[in-house]
Protein backbone atom coordinates (compact mmCIF):
# COMPACT_ATOMS: atom_id res chain seq x y z
CA MET A 1 145.58 135.35 54.19
CA ILE A 2 147.74 138.46 53.88
CA LEU A 3 150.38 136.47 51.98
CA THR A 4 147.69 134.99 49.73
CA ALA A 5 146.29 138.46 49.00
CA LEU A 6 149.78 139.80 48.10
CA SER A 7 150.36 136.77 45.89
CA ASP A 8 147.03 137.34 44.09
CA ILE A 9 147.80 141.02 43.54
CA ILE A 10 151.23 140.30 42.09
CA LEU A 11 150.03 137.38 39.99
CA PHE A 12 146.83 138.78 38.50
CA SER A 13 147.89 142.40 38.13
CA SER A 14 150.52 141.31 35.61
CA GLU A 15 148.22 138.92 33.72
CA SER A 16 145.36 139.71 31.42
CA GLY A 17 143.29 136.67 32.45
CA GLU A 18 140.29 136.71 34.76
CA TYR A 19 140.85 136.59 38.49
CA ALA A 20 140.62 132.97 39.65
CA SER A 21 141.77 132.37 43.18
CA GLY A 22 140.26 131.24 46.43
CA ASN A 23 140.48 128.73 49.22
CA ALA A 24 137.80 126.41 50.52
CA ALA A 25 139.51 126.52 53.92
CA GLU A 26 138.18 130.05 54.39
CA LEU A 27 134.57 128.86 54.18
CA ILE A 28 135.32 125.91 56.49
CA LEU A 29 136.87 128.27 59.06
CA ILE A 30 133.87 130.61 58.86
CA LEU A 31 131.43 127.72 59.29
CA PHE A 32 133.11 125.87 62.15
CA SER A 33 135.33 128.38 63.99
CA PRO A 34 132.51 129.61 66.29
CA LEU A 35 131.84 126.05 67.46
CA PHE A 36 135.34 124.64 67.75
CA ILE A 37 137.45 127.78 68.38
CA ASN A 38 135.58 130.92 69.51
CA LYS A 39 133.34 133.73 68.33
CA CYS A 40 136.20 136.26 68.21
CA PHE A 41 138.16 134.09 65.77
CA TYR A 42 135.01 133.75 63.63
CA TRP A 43 134.69 137.54 63.30
CA VAL A 44 138.40 137.90 62.50
CA VAL A 45 138.26 135.25 59.76
CA THR A 46 135.08 136.73 58.26
CA ILE A 47 136.29 140.35 58.20
CA VAL A 48 139.80 139.45 56.96
CA SER A 49 138.39 137.21 54.18
CA ILE A 50 135.98 139.90 52.94
CA SER A 51 138.69 142.58 53.17
CA ARG A 52 141.14 140.41 51.25
CA TYR A 53 138.86 139.96 48.24
CA PHE A 54 137.74 143.58 48.37
CA ILE A 55 141.31 144.96 48.35
CA VAL A 56 142.45 142.51 45.66
CA GLY A 57 139.47 143.45 43.49
CA LEU A 58 140.23 147.16 43.82
CA LEU A 59 143.92 146.74 42.97
CA ILE A 60 143.49 144.43 39.98
CA HIS A 61 140.29 146.18 38.81
CA SER A 62 138.19 143.01 38.70
CA MET A 63 134.53 142.54 39.58
CA VAL A 64 134.90 138.78 39.84
CA VAL A 65 135.71 139.20 43.56
CA VAL A 66 132.03 140.04 44.15
CA ILE A 67 131.19 136.32 43.93
CA PRO A 68 133.51 135.10 46.73
CA ILE A 69 132.57 138.13 48.85
CA ALA A 70 128.87 137.29 48.44
CA LEU A 71 129.54 133.63 49.30
CA ILE A 72 131.46 134.60 52.43
CA ILE A 73 128.67 136.94 53.56
CA ILE A 74 126.02 134.23 52.97
CA PHE A 75 128.02 131.61 54.87
CA SER A 76 128.74 134.13 57.63
CA VAL A 77 125.02 134.86 58.10
CA ILE A 78 124.20 131.12 58.16
CA THR A 79 126.98 130.52 60.68
CA TYR A 80 125.85 133.42 62.86
CA ILE A 81 122.29 132.02 62.97
CA LEU A 82 123.59 128.54 63.80
CA LEU A 83 125.88 130.02 66.44
CA ASN A 84 122.98 131.79 68.19
CA ARG A 85 120.90 128.62 68.09
CA PHE A 86 123.82 126.62 69.45
CA ASN A 87 124.42 129.12 72.27
CA SER A 88 120.72 129.09 73.16
CA TYR A 89 120.79 125.30 73.27
CA ILE A 90 123.87 125.26 75.51
CA TYR A 91 122.33 127.90 77.80
CA ALA A 92 119.11 125.90 78.08
CA LEU A 93 121.05 122.73 78.95
CA THR A 94 123.18 124.58 81.51
CA SER A 95 120.14 126.20 83.12
CA ALA A 96 118.29 122.89 83.28
CA ASN A 97 121.34 121.21 84.81
CA GLU A 98 121.76 123.95 87.43
CA GLU A 99 118.05 123.80 88.30
CA LEU A 100 118.25 120.02 88.61
CA ARG A 101 121.27 120.25 90.92
CA HIS A 102 119.48 122.88 93.00
CA LYS A 103 116.39 120.67 93.34
CA GLU A 104 118.55 117.69 94.26
CA LYS A 105 120.14 119.72 97.06
CA LEU A 106 116.73 120.78 98.35
CA THR A 107 115.46 117.21 98.14
CA PHE A 108 118.46 116.00 100.12
CA ILE A 109 117.91 118.71 102.74
CA GLY A 110 114.22 117.81 102.96
CA GLN A 111 114.97 114.11 103.41
CA MET A 112 117.57 114.88 106.04
CA ALA A 113 115.15 117.21 107.83
CA THR A 114 112.30 114.74 108.00
CA SER A 115 114.56 111.91 109.19
CA ILE A 116 116.61 113.65 111.90
CA GLY A 117 114.92 117.00 112.53
CA HIS A 118 112.65 115.82 115.32
CA GLU A 119 115.40 113.65 116.80
CA ILE A 120 117.60 116.73 117.14
CA ARG A 121 114.84 118.79 118.71
CA ASN A 122 114.24 116.47 121.66
CA PRO A 123 117.77 116.52 123.12
CA LEU A 124 118.01 120.20 122.17
CA ALA A 125 115.07 121.01 124.45
CA SER A 126 116.78 119.11 127.27
CA LEU A 127 120.03 120.98 126.71
CA LYS A 128 118.22 124.31 126.75
CA GLY A 129 116.42 123.51 130.01
CA PHE A 130 119.60 122.20 131.64
CA THR A 131 121.54 125.31 130.57
CA GLN A 132 118.90 127.59 132.11
CA LEU A 133 119.07 125.65 135.39
CA GLN A 134 122.86 125.85 135.46
CA LYS A 135 122.70 129.55 134.65
CA GLU A 136 120.53 130.14 137.73
CA LYS A 137 122.81 127.99 139.87
CA TYR A 138 126.19 129.43 138.82
CA VAL A 139 125.62 133.18 138.70
CA GLN A 140 129.32 133.97 138.30
CA ASP A 141 129.46 132.22 134.89
CA GLN A 142 126.62 134.15 133.22
CA LYS A 143 128.77 135.06 130.21
CA TYR A 144 129.41 131.43 129.23
CA PHE A 145 125.85 130.32 129.79
CA SER A 146 124.62 133.19 127.61
CA ILE A 147 126.89 132.02 124.81
CA MET A 148 125.56 128.47 125.21
CA GLU A 149 121.97 129.70 125.06
CA GLN A 150 122.68 131.72 121.92
CA GLU A 151 124.23 128.73 120.19
CA ILE A 152 121.33 126.48 121.22
CA GLU A 153 118.90 129.06 119.79
CA ARG A 154 120.96 129.09 116.60
CA ILE A 155 120.75 125.29 116.30
CA ASP A 156 117.00 125.48 116.95
CA LEU A 157 116.64 128.05 114.17
CA ILE A 158 118.48 125.79 111.72
CA VAL A 159 116.29 122.82 112.68
CA ASN A 160 113.12 124.89 112.19
CA ASP A 161 114.27 125.90 108.70
CA LEU A 162 115.16 122.32 107.84
CA LEU A 163 111.78 121.05 109.03
CA LEU A 164 109.98 123.63 106.93
CA LEU A 165 111.95 122.56 103.84
CA GLY A 166 111.06 118.95 104.55
CA LYS A 167 107.34 119.57 104.89
CA PRO A 168 105.07 118.74 101.94
CA LYS A 169 103.45 121.61 100.08
CA ASN A 170 100.60 123.16 102.07
CA THR A 171 97.60 123.84 99.85
CA GLN A 172 95.20 125.02 102.55
CA PHE A 173 95.04 128.63 101.46
CA GLN A 174 92.79 131.17 103.15
CA LYS A 175 91.98 134.76 102.28
CA SER A 176 94.22 137.12 104.25
CA CYS A 177 94.88 140.85 104.37
CA LEU A 178 98.42 141.75 103.33
CA LYS A 179 98.17 145.15 105.00
CA GLU A 180 97.55 143.50 108.37
CA ILE A 181 100.42 141.07 107.76
CA ILE A 182 102.81 143.94 106.96
CA PHE A 183 101.81 145.93 110.05
CA TYR A 184 102.15 142.83 112.23
CA VAL A 185 105.65 142.12 110.89
CA ILE A 186 106.68 145.75 111.41
CA SER A 187 105.58 145.55 115.05
CA ILE A 188 107.91 142.56 115.51
CA THR A 189 110.95 144.04 113.74
CA LYS A 190 110.54 147.65 114.92
CA GLN A 191 112.68 147.11 118.03
CA GLN A 192 115.62 145.85 115.96
CA ALA A 193 115.25 148.84 113.61
CA ASN A 194 115.22 151.31 116.51
CA GLU A 195 118.36 149.77 118.00
CA LYS A 196 120.20 150.38 114.72
CA ASN A 197 118.73 153.87 114.19
CA ILE A 198 116.77 152.73 111.13
CA SER A 199 113.47 154.34 110.08
CA LEU A 200 110.79 152.02 108.72
CA SER A 201 108.68 153.50 105.92
CA VAL A 202 105.56 151.86 104.49
CA GLU A 203 103.82 152.89 101.27
CA MET A 204 100.63 151.08 100.20
CA ASP A 205 98.07 151.40 97.47
CA GLU A 206 94.64 152.29 98.80
CA SER A 207 92.92 149.25 97.35
CA ILE A 208 94.80 146.05 98.17
CA PRO A 209 92.56 142.99 97.74
CA LEU A 210 92.63 139.98 100.04
CA ILE A 211 94.91 137.24 98.79
CA GLU A 212 94.69 133.47 99.13
CA CYS A 213 97.72 132.36 101.16
CA VAL A 214 99.02 130.59 104.25
CA GLU A 215 99.21 133.63 106.52
CA ASN A 216 101.94 132.40 108.88
CA GLN A 217 104.18 131.50 105.97
CA ILE A 218 103.81 134.92 104.34
CA LYS A 219 104.60 136.49 107.72
CA GLN A 220 107.78 134.42 107.85
CA VAL A 221 108.75 135.58 104.34
CA CYS A 222 108.32 139.23 105.33
CA ILE A 223 110.20 138.78 108.61
CA ASN A 224 113.13 137.05 106.86
CA LEU A 225 113.44 139.76 104.20
CA ILE A 226 113.09 142.67 106.64
CA LYS A 227 115.67 141.19 109.02
CA ASN A 228 118.08 140.62 106.14
CA GLY A 229 117.73 144.26 105.14
CA LEU A 230 118.14 145.55 108.69
CA ASP A 231 121.22 143.36 109.22
CA SER A 232 122.87 144.96 106.18
CA MET A 233 122.33 148.54 107.48
CA ASP A 234 125.08 149.08 110.05
CA ASN A 235 125.01 152.88 109.66
CA GLY A 236 121.28 153.44 110.04
CA GLY A 237 119.12 154.90 107.30
CA MET A 238 115.71 154.26 105.77
CA PHE A 239 114.10 150.88 105.13
CA LYS A 240 111.11 151.03 102.77
CA ILE A 241 108.28 148.59 102.23
CA LEU A 242 106.15 149.12 99.15
CA LEU A 243 102.85 147.28 98.70
CA LYS A 244 101.31 147.65 95.26
CA HIS A 245 98.40 146.18 93.33
CA GLU A 246 99.90 146.58 89.86
CA LEU A 247 98.16 143.88 87.87
CA LYS A 248 94.64 142.51 88.19
CA ASN A 249 95.71 139.22 89.74
CA GLU A 250 99.07 140.11 91.32
CA ILE A 251 100.33 141.91 94.42
CA SER A 252 103.87 143.26 94.62
CA ILE A 253 105.73 143.67 97.93
CA SER A 254 109.11 145.44 97.72
CA PHE A 255 111.67 145.58 100.52
CA ILE A 256 114.25 148.33 99.92
CA ASP A 257 117.23 148.89 102.21
CA GLN A 258 120.16 151.31 102.21
CA GLY A 259 122.68 148.74 103.35
CA CYS A 260 126.04 147.51 102.12
CA GLY A 261 124.62 145.87 99.00
CA ILE A 262 125.69 142.61 97.36
CA ASN A 263 128.13 142.18 94.50
CA GLN A 264 127.07 140.25 91.40
CA SER A 265 129.10 137.12 92.14
CA GLU A 266 127.42 136.71 95.54
CA LEU A 267 124.00 137.67 94.15
CA ASN A 268 124.00 134.58 91.95
CA LYS A 269 124.64 132.32 94.97
CA LEU A 270 122.01 133.68 97.36
CA PHE A 271 119.62 130.76 96.84
CA THR A 272 122.32 128.12 97.28
CA PRO A 273 121.70 125.99 100.40
CA PHE A 274 123.93 126.96 103.35
CA TYR A 275 125.48 129.90 101.47
CA THR A 276 125.36 133.12 103.50
CA THR A 277 126.99 136.55 103.46
CA LYS A 278 126.36 137.04 107.20
CA GLY A 279 128.78 135.88 109.85
CA ASP A 280 126.01 134.36 111.99
CA GLY A 281 123.71 133.30 109.15
CA THR A 282 122.52 129.73 108.50
CA GLY A 283 122.29 129.96 104.73
CA LEU A 284 118.72 128.64 104.84
CA GLY A 285 116.60 131.79 105.32
CA LEU A 286 116.36 132.73 101.64
CA ILE A 287 115.94 129.08 100.63
CA VAL A 288 112.93 128.80 102.94
CA THR A 289 111.63 132.17 101.71
CA LYS A 290 111.88 131.14 98.06
CA LYS A 291 110.21 127.78 98.72
CA ILE A 292 107.26 129.46 100.45
CA ILE A 293 106.86 131.95 97.60
CA GLU A 294 107.02 129.20 94.97
CA ASP A 295 104.46 127.16 96.92
CA HIS A 296 102.21 130.22 96.58
CA GLN A 297 102.83 130.34 92.81
CA GLY A 298 104.75 133.57 93.33
CA GLU A 299 108.09 135.00 92.29
CA ILE A 300 111.03 136.68 94.04
CA LYS A 301 113.42 139.17 92.39
CA ILE A 302 116.57 140.64 93.91
CA GLU A 303 118.45 143.69 92.66
CA SER A 304 121.47 145.05 94.49
CA GLU A 305 124.24 147.61 94.10
CA LEU A 306 127.35 147.43 96.22
CA ASN A 307 127.47 150.14 98.92
CA ARG A 308 124.08 151.49 97.75
CA GLY A 309 121.52 148.96 98.93
CA THR A 310 119.30 146.06 97.91
CA GLN A 311 115.72 145.75 96.65
CA VAL A 312 113.81 142.49 97.01
CA GLU A 313 110.48 142.23 95.23
CA VAL A 314 107.97 139.50 96.03
CA ILE A 315 105.12 139.00 93.57
CA LEU A 316 102.13 136.97 94.77
CA PRO A 317 98.92 136.03 92.92
CA VAL A 318 95.65 137.21 94.43
CA VAL A 319 93.93 133.90 93.70
CA GLN A 320 95.64 130.50 93.84
């Protein structure tokens, strides 16, 4: 384009005729470069093309260059609109594909849970009982039996999560008090917080209405999120729970920790089955939590800053 501009300047500055030069390839590049090359190349071609005609027009003192400049601007606007539509279409397809893959994984986990979950539990109970008997018999090997018991408990936890994922949606909602649920969960997790020198703070609006929910499942959601927050706080600090009635038909529960935080790349994978940032995690806790919330027509949002902490907000409808 630079060579073409120099050629036009030399050619038409020495002639008395009207300026008559141009290249259809410029318009083709502007129209199709965003789709087949990239957006950066599109901007380069557009700016260079407009600049070329503008500089040539100034040097040869011709107003004819206004026409190609106007055409380039019009085509550029059309291309930009098409580019945004195209990107939106691609994003929608990608999101739908990712959601479909995620649902397929959960479906597979659910099928696996319902088919083998109970079969695993029966021998697991026998192993646990046998280990306890052996622990009482061989007192000198307490260390190894403790490790065995911990691993059996870990397997049992995974099976419980799998069974919950495999269960059909429970629609037997009953009115429950979220304040009582929060205080109950705090009583369970307070010991873990004290061991790590963590202070639990609760802030609630005065008027929190009863919500329609499955109480035990909401308790499990709160326990999972509080334990995740406490596990991330190795240096102590403050863990906050905020309960707000912001909208007429919605209750917001926020869990705010001062832990290690999560970087953006890991944040996008948190709801992937079996993905965990904890050394002893199962990768199913947040999956179960999200499923329970979605079964309650709710929503979960996670914001995190590395080395600053994480905030998890759960939004639940008052009426199902």
